PDB file of N, CA and C in Angstrom:
ATOM      1  N   MET A   1     199.844 -19.871 158.371  1.00  0.00           N
ATOM      2  CA  MET A   1     199.856 -21.091 157.602  1.00  0.00           C
ATOM      3  C   MET A   1     200.065 -22.265 158.515  1.00  0.00           C
ATOM      4  N   LYS A   2     199.202 -23.261 158.427  1.00  0.00           N
ATOM      5  CA  LYS A   2     199.328 -24.458 159.223  1.00  0.00           C
ATOM      6  C   LYS A   2     200.182 -25.499 158.488  1.00  0.00           C
ATOM      7  N   ILE A   3     200.996 -26.238 159.297  1.00  0.00           N
ATOM      8  CA  ILE A   3     201.757 -27.310 158.692  1.00  0.00           C
ATOM      9  C   ILE A   3     200.966 -28.615 158.828  1.00  0.00           C
ATOM     10  N   ASP A   4     201.122 -29.529 157.880  1.00  0.00           N
ATOM     11  CA  ASP A   4     200.354 -30.747 157.946  1.00  0.00           C
ATOM     12  C   ASP A   4     200.897 -31.668 159.075  1.00  0.00           C
ATOM     13  N   GLN A   5     200.104 -32.676 159.453  1.00  0.00           N
ATOM     14  CA  GLN A   5     200.439 -33.468 160.634  1.00  0.00           C
ATOM     15  C   GLN A   5     201.711 -34.270 160.444  1.00  0.00           C
ATOM     16  N   THR A   6     202.009 -34.746 159.237  1.00  0.00           N
ATOM     17  CA  THR A   6     203.229 -35.474 159.011  1.00  0.00           C
ATOM     18  C   THR A   6     204.449 -34.622 159.278  1.00  0.00           C
ATOM     19  N   ILE A   7     204.441 -33.393 158.773  1.00  0.00           N
ATOM     20  CA  ILE A   7     205.548 -32.470 159.007  1.00  0.00           C
ATOM     21  C   ILE A   7     205.623 -32.118 160.459  1.00  0.00           C
ATOM     22  N   ALA A   8     204.489 -31.912 161.123  1.00  0.00           N
ATOM     23  CA  ALA A   8     204.467 -31.617 162.547  1.00  0.00           C
ATOM     24  C   ALA A   8     205.084 -32.727 163.377  1.00  0.00           C
ATOM     25  N   ASN A   9     204.768 -33.962 163.020  1.00  0.00           N
ATOM     26  CA  ASN A   9     205.341 -35.131 163.719  1.00  0.00           C
ATOM     27  C   ASN A   9     206.826 -35.241 163.548  1.00  0.00           C
ATOM     28  N   ILE A  10     207.313 -35.037 162.328  1.00  0.00           N
ATOM     29  CA  ILE A  10     208.740 -35.074 162.051  1.00  0.00           C
ATOM     30  C   ILE A  10     209.447 -33.955 162.796  1.00  0.00           C
ATOM     31  N   THR A  11     208.856 -32.758 162.732  1.00  0.00           N
ATOM     32  CA  THR A  11     209.435 -31.603 163.424  1.00  0.00           C
ATOM     33  C   THR A  11     209.514 -31.835 164.925  1.00  0.00           C
ATOM     34  N   GLN A  12     208.449 -32.392 165.504  1.00  0.00           N
ATOM     35  CA  GLN A  12     208.462 -32.681 166.959  1.00  0.00           C
ATOM     36  C   GLN A  12     209.546 -33.717 167.299  1.00  0.00           C
ATOM     37  N   SER A  13     209.735 -34.700 166.456  1.00  0.00           N
ATOM     38  CA  SER A  13     210.780 -35.699 166.673  1.00  0.00           C
ATOM     39  C   SER A  13     212.142 -35.066 166.655  1.00  0.00           C
ATOM     40  N   LEU A  14     212.399 -34.161 165.697  1.00  0.00           N
ATOM     41  CA  LEU A  14     213.696 -33.462 165.612  1.00  0.00           C
ATOM     42  C   LEU A  14     213.906 -32.570 166.809  1.00  0.00           C
ATOM     43  N   ILE A  15     212.852 -31.892 167.263  1.00  0.00           N
ATOM     44  CA  ILE A  15     212.930 -31.016 168.429  1.00  0.00           C
ATOM     45  C   ILE A  15     213.320 -31.863 169.690  1.00  0.00           C
ATOM     46  N   SER A  16     212.619 -32.984 169.847  1.00  0.00           N
ATOM     47  CA  SER A  16     212.884 -33.881 170.977  1.00  0.00           C
ATOM     48  C   SER A  16     214.348 -34.368 170.934  1.00  0.00           C
ATOM     49  N   ALA A  17     214.808 -34.772 169.758  1.00  0.00           N
ATOM     50  CA  ALA A  17     216.171 -35.248 169.633  1.00  0.00           C
ATOM     51  C   ALA A  17     217.151 -34.142 169.988  1.00  0.00           C
ATOM     52  N   ALA A  18     216.898 -32.934 169.527  1.00  0.00           N
ATOM     53  CA  ALA A  18     217.813 -31.776 169.814  1.00  0.00           C
ATOM     54  C   ALA A  18     217.840 -31.530 171.332  1.00  0.00           C
ATOM     55  N   PHE A  19     216.713 -31.602 172.004  1.00  0.00           N
ATOM     56  CA  PHE A  19     216.670 -31.394 173.455  1.00  0.00           C
ATOM     57  C   PHE A  19     217.432 -32.491 174.168  1.00  0.00           C
ATOM     58  N   ARG A  20     217.259 -33.754 173.720  1.00  0.00           N
ATOM     59  CA  ARG A  20     217.977 -34.861 174.347  1.00  0.00           C
ATOM     60  C   ARG A  20     219.479 -34.651 174.197  1.00  0.00           C
ATOM     61  N   GLU A  21     219.925 -34.279 173.016  1.00  0.00           N
ATOM     62  CA  GLU A  21     221.315 -34.047 172.762  1.00  0.00           C
ATOM     63  C   GLU A  21     221.869 -32.888 173.585  1.00  0.00           C
ATOM     64  N   ASP A  22     221.097 -31.793 173.646  1.00  0.00           N
ATOM     65  CA  ASP A  22     221.566 -30.606 174.325  1.00  0.00           C
ATOM     66  C   ASP A  22     221.601 -30.834 175.845  1.00  0.00           C
ATOM     67  N   LEU A  23     220.598 -31.469 176.393  1.00  0.00           N
ATOM     68  CA  LEU A  23     220.495 -31.609 177.855  1.00  0.00           C
ATOM     69  C   LEU A  23     221.314 -32.810 178.335  1.00  0.00           C
ATOM     70  N   ALA A  24     221.419 -33.850 177.530  1.00  0.00           N
ATOM     71  CA  ALA A  24     222.181 -35.062 177.879  1.00  0.00           C
ATOM     72  C   ALA A  24     221.937 -35.449 179.337  1.00  0.00           C
ATOM     73  N   GLU A  25     223.010 -35.826 179.992  1.00  0.00           N
ATOM     74  CA  GLU A  25     222.884 -36.310 181.389  1.00  0.00           C
ATOM     75  C   GLU A  25     223.051 -35.160 182.395  1.00  0.00           C
ATOM     76  N   ARG A  26     223.676 -34.091 181.972  1.00  0.00           N
ATOM     77  CA  ARG A  26     224.013 -32.996 182.914  1.00  0.00           C
ATOM     78  C   ARG A  26     222.867 -32.002 183.023  1.00  0.00           C
ATOM     79  N   GLY A  27     221.934 -31.994 182.115  1.00  0.00           N
ATOM     80  CA  GLY A  27     220.905 -30.956 182.145  1.00  0.00           C
ATOM     81  C   GLY A  27     221.433 -29.706 181.424  1.00  0.00           C
ATOM     82  N   ASP A  28     220.667 -28.670 181.477  1.00  0.00           N
ATOM     83  CA  ASP A  28     221.028 -27.394 180.817  1.00  0.00           C
ATOM     84  C   ASP A  28     221.701 -26.531 181.852  1.00  0.00           C
ATOM     85  N   ILE A  29     223.037 -26.473 181.828  1.00  0.00           N
ATOM     86  CA  ILE A  29     223.773 -25.721 182.872  1.00  0.00           C
ATOM     87  C   ILE A  29     223.540 -24.225 182.781  1.00  0.00           C
ATOM     88  N   THR A  30     223.283 -23.723 181.595  1.00  0.00           N
ATOM     89  CA  THR A  30     222.970 -22.284 181.477  1.00  0.00           C
ATOM     90  C   THR A  30     221.653 -21.927 182.099  1.00  0.00           C
ATOM     91  N   ALA A  31     220.632 -22.735 181.793  1.00  0.00           N
ATOM     92  CA  ALA A  31     219.305 -22.471 182.395  1.00  0.00           C
ATOM     93  C   ALA A  31     219.377 -22.657 183.896  1.00  0.00           C
ATOM     94  N   ASP A  32     220.114 -23.689 184.378  1.00  0.00           N
ATOM     95  CA  ASP A  32     220.230 -23.907 185.816  1.00  0.00           C
ATOM     96  C   ASP A  32     220.902 -22.721 186.529  1.00  0.00           C
ATOM     97  N   ALA A  33     221.822 -22.054 185.807  1.00  0.00           N
ATOM     98  CA  ALA A  33     222.534 -20.958 186.416  1.00  0.00           C
ATOM     99  C   ALA A  33     221.706 -19.654 186.473  1.00  0.00           C
ATOM    100  N   ILE A  34     220.785 -19.461 185.517  1.00  0.00           N
ATOM    101  CA  ILE A  34     220.064 -18.182 185.468  1.00  0.00           C
ATOM    102  C   ILE A  34     218.566 -18.263 185.708  1.00  0.00           C
ATOM    103  N   ALA A  35     217.986 -19.447 185.623  1.00  0.00           N
ATOM    104  CA  ALA A  35     216.536 -19.569 185.737  1.00  0.00           C
ATOM    105  C   ALA A  35     216.088 -19.737 187.191  1.00  0.00           C
ATOM    106  N   VAL A  36     214.945 -19.165 187.510  1.00  0.00           N
ATOM    107  CA  VAL A  36     214.367 -19.327 188.829  1.00  0.00           C
ATOM    108  C   VAL A  36     213.290 -20.392 188.721  1.00  0.00           C
ATOM    109  N   PRO A  37     213.379 -21.481 189.518  1.00  0.00           N
ATOM    110  CA  PRO A  37     212.346 -22.530 189.416  1.00  0.00           C
ATOM    111  C   PRO A  37     210.911 -22.017 189.601  1.00  0.00           C
ATOM    112  N   ASN A  38     210.010 -22.602 188.855  1.00  0.00           N
ATOM    113  CA  ASN A  38     208.577 -22.287 188.933  1.00  0.00           C
ATOM    114  C   ASN A  38     208.215 -20.849 188.543  1.00  0.00           C
ATOM    115  N   HIS A  39     209.049 -20.183 187.770  1.00  0.00           N
ATOM    116  CA  HIS A  39     208.759 -18.855 187.268  1.00  0.00           C
ATOM    117  C   HIS A  39     208.680 -18.884 185.746  1.00  0.00           C
ATOM    118  N   PHE A  40     207.775 -18.154 185.190  1.00  0.00           N
ATOM    119  CA  PHE A  40     207.635 -18.082 183.760  1.00  0.00           C
ATOM    120  C   PHE A  40     208.185 -16.733 183.254  1.00  0.00           C
ATOM    121  N   ILE A  41     208.683 -16.732 182.023  1.00  0.00           N
ATOM    122  CA  ILE A  41     209.239 -15.537 181.456  1.00  0.00           C
ATOM    123  C   ILE A  41     208.515 -15.243 180.151  1.00  0.00           C
ATOM    124  N   ASN A  42     208.201 -14.019 179.943  1.00  0.00           N
ATOM    125  CA  ASN A  42     207.635 -13.527 178.673  1.00  0.00           C
ATOM    126  C   ASN A  42     208.711 -12.903 177.875  1.00  0.00           C
ATOM    127  N   ALA A  43     208.602 -13.051 176.554  1.00  0.00           N
ATOM    128  CA  ALA A  43     209.583 -12.421 175.657  1.00  0.00           C
ATOM    129  C   ALA A  43     208.874 -11.862 174.458  1.00  0.00           C
ATOM    130  N   ARG A  44     209.533 -10.946 173.776  1.00  0.00           N
ATOM    131  CA  ARG A  44     209.021 -10.377 172.523  1.00  0.00           C
ATOM    132  C   ARG A  44     210.073 -10.450 171.465  1.00  0.00           C
ATOM    133  N   ILE A  45     209.647 -10.657 170.282  1.00  0.00           N
ATOM    134  CA  ILE A  45     210.552 -10.601 169.136  1.00  0.00           C
ATOM    135  C   ILE A  45     210.259  -9.262 168.423  1.00  0.00           C
ATOM    136  N   ILE A  46     211.239  -8.409 168.352  1.00  0.00           N
ATOM    137  CA  ILE A  46     211.074  -7.079 167.773  1.00  0.00           C
ATOM    138  C   ILE A  46     211.946  -6.978 166.514  1.00  0.00           C
ATOM    139  N   ALA A  47     211.296  -6.685 165.376  1.00  0.00           N
ATOM    140  CA  ALA A  47     212.048  -6.521 164.124  1.00  0.00           C
ATOM    141  C   ALA A  47     212.344  -5.066 163.966  1.00  0.00           C
ATOM    142  N   LYS A  48     213.539  -4.804 163.480  1.00  0.00           N
ATOM    143  CA  LYS A  48     213.941  -3.429 163.214  1.00  0.00           C
ATOM    144  C   LYS A  48     213.344  -2.896 161.925  1.00  0.00           C
ATOM    145  N   LYS A  49     213.014  -3.814 161.010  1.00  0.00           N
ATOM    146  CA  LYS A  49     212.425  -3.452 159.720  1.00  0.00           C
ATOM    147  C   LYS A  49     211.311  -4.402 159.370  1.00  0.00           C
ATOM    148  N   SER A  50     210.473  -3.992 158.422  1.00  0.00           N
ATOM    149  CA  SER A  50     209.428  -4.907 157.931  1.00  0.00           C
ATOM    150  C   SER A  50     210.063  -6.072 157.219  1.00  0.00           C
ATOM    151  N   GLY A  51     209.397  -7.208 157.298  1.00  0.00           N
ATOM    152  CA  GLY A  51     209.905  -8.373 156.606  1.00  0.00           C
ATOM    153  C   GLY A  51     208.941  -9.547 156.775  1.00  0.00           C
ATOM    154  N   VAL A  52     209.381 -10.720 156.406  1.00  0.00           N
ATOM    155  CA  VAL A  52     208.621 -11.923 156.521  1.00  0.00           C
ATOM    156  C   VAL A  52     209.252 -12.807 157.581  1.00  0.00           C
ATOM    157  N   MET A  53     208.426 -13.269 158.499  1.00  0.00           N
ATOM    158  CA  MET A  53     208.954 -14.127 159.565  1.00  0.00           C
ATOM    159  C   MET A  53     208.528 -15.547 159.271  1.00  0.00           C
ATOM    160  N   CYS A  54     209.523 -16.433 159.105  1.00  0.00           N
ATOM    161  CA  CYS A  54     209.234 -17.805 158.822  1.00  0.00           C
ATOM    162  C   CYS A  54     209.521 -18.669 160.059  1.00  0.00           C
ATOM    163  N   GLY A  55     208.875 -19.808 160.145  1.00  0.00           N
ATOM    164  CA  GLY A  55     209.153 -20.756 161.218  1.00  0.00           C
ATOM    165  C   GLY A  55     208.435 -20.473 162.523  1.00  0.00           C
ATOM    166  N   VAL A  56     207.408 -19.663 162.499  1.00  0.00           N
ATOM    167  CA  VAL A  56     206.714 -19.310 163.745  1.00  0.00           C
ATOM    168  C   VAL A  56     206.071 -20.535 164.389  1.00  0.00           C
ATOM    169  N   GLU A  57     205.435 -21.397 163.592  1.00  0.00           N
ATOM    170  CA  GLU A  57     204.837 -22.610 164.157  1.00  0.00           C
ATOM    171  C   GLU A  57     205.886 -23.510 164.741  1.00  0.00           C
ATOM    172  N   THR A  58     207.028 -23.629 164.090  1.00  0.00           N
ATOM    173  CA  THR A  58     208.117 -24.468 164.622  1.00  0.00           C
ATOM    174  C   THR A  58     208.673 -23.849 165.895  1.00  0.00           C
ATOM    175  N   MET A  59     208.840 -22.591 165.932  1.00  0.00           N
ATOM    176  CA  MET A  59     209.318 -21.901 167.121  1.00  0.00           C
ATOM    177  C   MET A  59     208.372 -22.165 168.276  1.00  0.00           C
ATOM    178  N   LYS A  60     207.067 -22.073 168.044  1.00  0.00           N
ATOM    179  CA  LYS A  60     206.104 -22.333 169.072  1.00  0.00           C
ATOM    180  C   LYS A  60     206.239 -23.784 169.608  1.00  0.00           C
ATOM    181  N   MET A  61     206.459 -24.717 168.685  1.00  0.00           N
ATOM    182  CA  MET A  61     206.642 -26.108 169.085  1.00  0.00           C
ATOM    183  C   MET A  61     207.867 -26.254 170.018  1.00  0.00           C
ATOM    184  N   VAL A  62     208.944 -25.565 169.685  1.00  0.00           N
ATOM    185  CA  VAL A  62     210.150 -25.599 170.515  1.00  0.00           C
ATOM    186  C   VAL A  62     209.859 -25.086 171.910  1.00  0.00           C
ATOM    187  N   PHE A  63     209.239 -23.907 171.998  1.00  0.00           N
ATOM    188  CA  PHE A  63     208.952 -23.289 173.308  1.00  0.00           C
ATOM    189  C   PHE A  63     207.896 -24.091 174.082  1.00  0.00           C
ATOM    190  N   ASP A  64     207.018 -24.791 173.411  1.00  0.00           N
ATOM    191  CA  ASP A  64     206.019 -25.626 174.085  1.00  0.00           C
ATOM    192  C   ASP A  64     206.583 -26.961 174.590  1.00  0.00           C
ATOM    193  N   HIS A  65     207.734 -27.298 174.085  1.00  0.00           N
ATOM    194  CA  HIS A  65     208.341 -28.617 174.420  1.00  0.00           C
ATOM    195  C   HIS A  65     208.716 -28.681 175.871  1.00  0.00           C
TER     196      HIS A  65
END
């Protein structure tokens, strides 16, 4: 399901605000401690049972930020 552009714009604004708040002036100390510069990481989401997954488009927006 695609979200409309207005919701996408609002969501992107909220994601940006959350990143600004989280990173502030010090940056992300956890990522700095464990991340290797210029390396990409792949991840999988594995469900133990069948179900409905909501927020996939929003999650993609967060990871693309």
